[in-house]
Amino acid sequence: MDHDFPKLIASTSNPRLRIRLLAASHLTEGLSRTQIAKYLKVSRVSVNKWVKAYLTHGIIGLKRKVSLWYIVVTIPISPNPSFIPSNTPLGFTIEPP
């Protein structure tokens, strides 16, 4: 994975992504994870996570992931209950009155 890190770092406005890119850049230059953590003044645990993400997924792995905790499942409500199919994911059927 050979990237033009100075160009990538300069092109991003996200400071957190910039730090992660710097970490990956230092890794490719041969610095140890401990040296990277000291240089960037971050924890070694964070550097280890970033390195793992970079080695597994490349640059895309360094971008922040969307967490799933806020996804809400909505069920359409119809004035006609027979409109809802019987194989609903809820595991029950709605019978008209």
C-alpha atoms as a PDB file:
ATOM      1  CA  MET A   1       0.000   0.000   0.000  1.00  0.00           C
ATOM      2  CA  ASP A   2       1.959   2.916  -1.303  1.00  0.00           C
ATOM      3  CA  HIS A   3       0.124   6.214  -0.933  1.00  0.00           C
ATOM      4  CA  ASP A   4       1.081   9.852  -1.312  1.00  0.00           C
ATOM      5  CA  PHE A   5       0.532  10.672   2.352  1.00  0.00           C
ATOM      6  CA  PRO A   6       1.660  14.334   2.284  1.00  0.00           C
ATOM      7  CA  LYS A   7      -0.896  15.037  -0.442  1.00  0.00           C
ATOM      8  CA  LEU A   8      -3.655  13.116   1.384  1.00  0.00           C
ATOM      9  CA  ILE A   9      -2.883  14.847   4.689  1.00  0.00           C
ATOM     10  CA  ALA A  10      -2.918  18.285   3.071  1.00  0.00           C
ATOM     11  CA  SER A  11      -6.194  17.581   1.254  1.00  0.00           C
ATOM     12  CA  THR A  12      -8.258  16.632   4.310  1.00  0.00           C
ATOM     13  CA  SER A  13      -9.898  19.137   6.616  1.00  0.00           C
ATOM     14  CA  ASN A  14     -10.767  16.519   9.252  1.00  0.00           C
ATOM     15  CA  PRO A  15      -8.151  16.784  12.025  1.00  0.00           C
ATOM     16  CA  ARG A  16      -8.817  13.281  13.355  1.00  0.00           C
ATOM     17  CA  LEU A  17      -8.364  11.737   9.929  1.00  0.00           C
ATOM     18  CA  ARG A  18      -5.195  13.797   9.518  1.00  0.00           C
ATOM     19  CA  ILE A  19      -3.719  12.258  12.690  1.00  0.00           C
ATOM     20  CA  ARG A  20      -4.622   8.764  11.480  1.00  0.00           C
ATOM     21  CA  LEU A  21      -3.015   9.446   8.109  1.00  0.00           C
ATOM     22  CA  LEU A  22       0.104  10.696   9.878  1.00  0.00           C
ATOM     23  CA  ALA A  23       0.214   7.475  11.875  1.00  0.00           C
ATOM     24  CA  ALA A  24      -0.045   5.376   8.707  1.00  0.00           C
ATOM     25  CA  SER A  25       2.597   7.530   7.058  1.00  0.00           C
ATOM     26  CA  HIS A  26       5.021   7.018   9.944  1.00  0.00           C
ATOM     27  CA  LEU A  27       4.292   3.288   9.888  1.00  0.00           C
ATOM     28  CA  THR A  28       5.276   3.052   6.223  1.00  0.00           C
ATOM     29  CA  GLU A  29       8.478   4.970   7.039  1.00  0.00           C
ATOM     30  CA  GLY A  30       9.409   2.222   9.489  1.00  0.00           C
ATOM     31  CA  LEU A  31       8.626   3.771  12.872  1.00  0.00           C
ATOM     32  CA  SER A  32       7.363   1.462  15.600  1.00  0.00           C
ATOM     33  CA  ARG A  33       3.886   1.846  17.002  1.00  0.00           C
ATOM     34  CA  THR A  34       5.327   3.109  20.282  1.00  0.00           C
ATOM     35  CA  GLN A  35       7.381   5.753  18.465  1.00  0.00           C
ATOM     36  CA  ILE A  36       4.322   6.828  16.480  1.00  0.00           C
ATOM     37  CA  ALA A  37       2.247   7.139  19.673  1.00  0.00           C
ATOM     38  CA  LYS A  38       4.918   9.267  21.367  1.00  0.00           C
ATOM     39  CA  TYR A  39       5.417  11.466  18.302  1.00  0.00           C
ATOM     40  CA  LEU A  40       1.680  12.094  17.810  1.00  0.00           C
ATOM     41  CA  LYS A  41       1.009  12.306  21.565  1.00  0.00           C
ATOM     42  CA  VAL A  42      -1.749   9.698  21.470  1.00  0.00           C
ATOM     43  CA  SER A  43      -2.176   6.365  23.202  1.00  0.00           C
ATOM     44  CA  ARG A  44      -0.524   3.264  21.838  1.00  0.00           C
ATOM     45  CA  VAL A  45      -3.923   1.557  21.880  1.00  0.00           C
ATOM     46  CA  SER A  46      -5.244   4.147  19.414  1.00  0.00           C
ATOM     47  CA  VAL A  47      -2.225   3.702  17.165  1.00  0.00           C
ATOM     48  CA  ASN A  48      -2.684  -0.069  17.272  1.00  0.00           C
ATOM     49  CA  LYS A  49      -6.342   0.308  16.202  1.00  0.00           C
ATOM     50  CA  TRP A  50      -5.422   2.666  13.366  1.00  0.00           C
ATOM     51  CA  VAL A  51      -2.599   0.441  12.149  1.00  0.00           C
ATOM     52  CA  LYS A  52      -4.864  -2.599  12.196  1.00  0.00           C
ATOM     53  CA  ALA A  53      -7.544  -0.706  10.256  1.00  0.00           C
ATOM     54  CA  TYR A  54      -4.968   0.555   7.747  1.00  0.00           C
ATOM     55  CA  LEU A  55      -3.377  -2.843   7.212  1.00  0.00           C
ATOM     56  CA  THR A  56      -6.769  -4.522   6.851  1.00  0.00           C
ATOM     57  CA  HIS A  57      -8.683  -1.976   4.752  1.00  0.00           C
ATOM     58  CA  GLY A  58      -6.164   0.589   3.514  1.00  0.00           C
ATOM     59  CA  ILE A  59      -6.927   4.318   3.621  1.00  0.00           C
ATOM     60  CA  ILE A  60     -10.674   3.621   3.789  1.00  0.00           C
ATOM     61  CA  GLY A  61     -10.096   1.845   7.110  1.00  0.00           C
ATOM     62  CA  LEU A  62      -8.831   5.081   8.661  1.00  0.00           C
ATOM     63  CA  LYS A  63     -12.041   6.981   7.984  1.00  0.00           C
ATOM     64  CA  ARG A  64     -14.465   7.080  10.858  1.00  0.00           C
ATOM     65  CA  LYS A  65     -17.122   4.393  10.795  1.00  0.00           C
ATOM     66  CA  VAL A  66     -20.787   5.204  11.295  1.00  0.00           C
ATOM     67  CA  SER A  67     -22.007   3.629  14.478  1.00  0.00           C
ATOM     68  CA  LEU A  68     -25.225   1.662  14.358  1.00  0.00           C
ATOM     69  CA  TRP A  69     -26.593   2.634  17.774  1.00  0.00           C
ATOM     70  CA  TYR A  70     -28.911   5.313  16.377  1.00  0.00           C
ATOM     71  CA  ILE A  71     -30.518   3.376  13.497  1.00  0.00           C
ATOM     72  CA  VAL A  72     -34.254   3.109  14.102  1.00  0.00           C
ATOM     73  CA  VAL A  73     -36.453   0.557  12.395  1.00  0.00           C
ATOM     74  CA  THR A  74     -39.751   2.002  11.234  1.00  0.00           C
ATOM     75  CA  ILE A  75     -42.835   0.055  10.305  1.00  0.00           C
ATOM     76  CA  PRO A  76     -45.285   1.688   7.908  1.00  0.00           C
ATOM     77  CA  ILE A  77     -48.736   2.171   9.393  1.00  0.00           C
ATOM     78  CA  SER A  78     -51.656   1.780   7.043  1.00  0.00           C
ATOM     79  CA  PRO A  79     -55.277   2.692   7.730  1.00  0.00           C
ATOM     80  CA  ASN A  80     -56.169  -0.687   6.230  1.00  0.00           C
ATOM     81  CA  PRO A  81     -54.632  -3.469   8.399  1.00  0.00           C
ATOM     82  CA  SER A  82     -55.105  -6.066   5.665  1.00  0.00           C
ATOM     83  CA  PHE A  83     -52.551  -4.080   3.629  1.00  0.00           C
ATOM     84  CA  ILE A  84     -49.753  -5.334   5.898  1.00  0.00           C
ATOM     85  CA  PRO A  85     -48.551  -8.711   4.590  1.00  0.00           C
ATOM     86  CA  SER A  86     -48.816 -11.741   6.849  1.00  0.00           C
ATOM     87  CA  ASN A  87     -45.079 -12.438   6.595  1.00  0.00           C
ATOM     88  CA  THR A  88     -44.105  -9.291   8.483  1.00  0.00           C
ATOM     89  CA  PRO A  89     -40.729  -9.396  10.269  1.00  0.00           C
ATOM     90  CA  LEU A  90     -42.540  -8.833  13.553  1.00  0.00           C
ATOM     91  CA  GLY A  91     -43.702 -12.457  13.658  1.00  0.00           C
ATOM     92  CA  PHE A  92     -47.431 -11.771  13.904  1.00  0.00           C
ATOM     93  CA  THR A  93     -50.301 -10.909  11.596  1.00  0.00           C
ATOM     94  CA  ILE A  94     -52.849  -8.159  11.868  1.00  0.00           C
ATOM     95  CA  GLU A  95     -56.438  -9.234  11.286  1.00  0.00           C
ATOM     96  CA  PRO A  96     -59.034  -6.685  10.183  1.00  0.00           C
ATOM     97  CA  PRO A  97     -61.812  -6.026  12.747  1.00  0.00           C
END
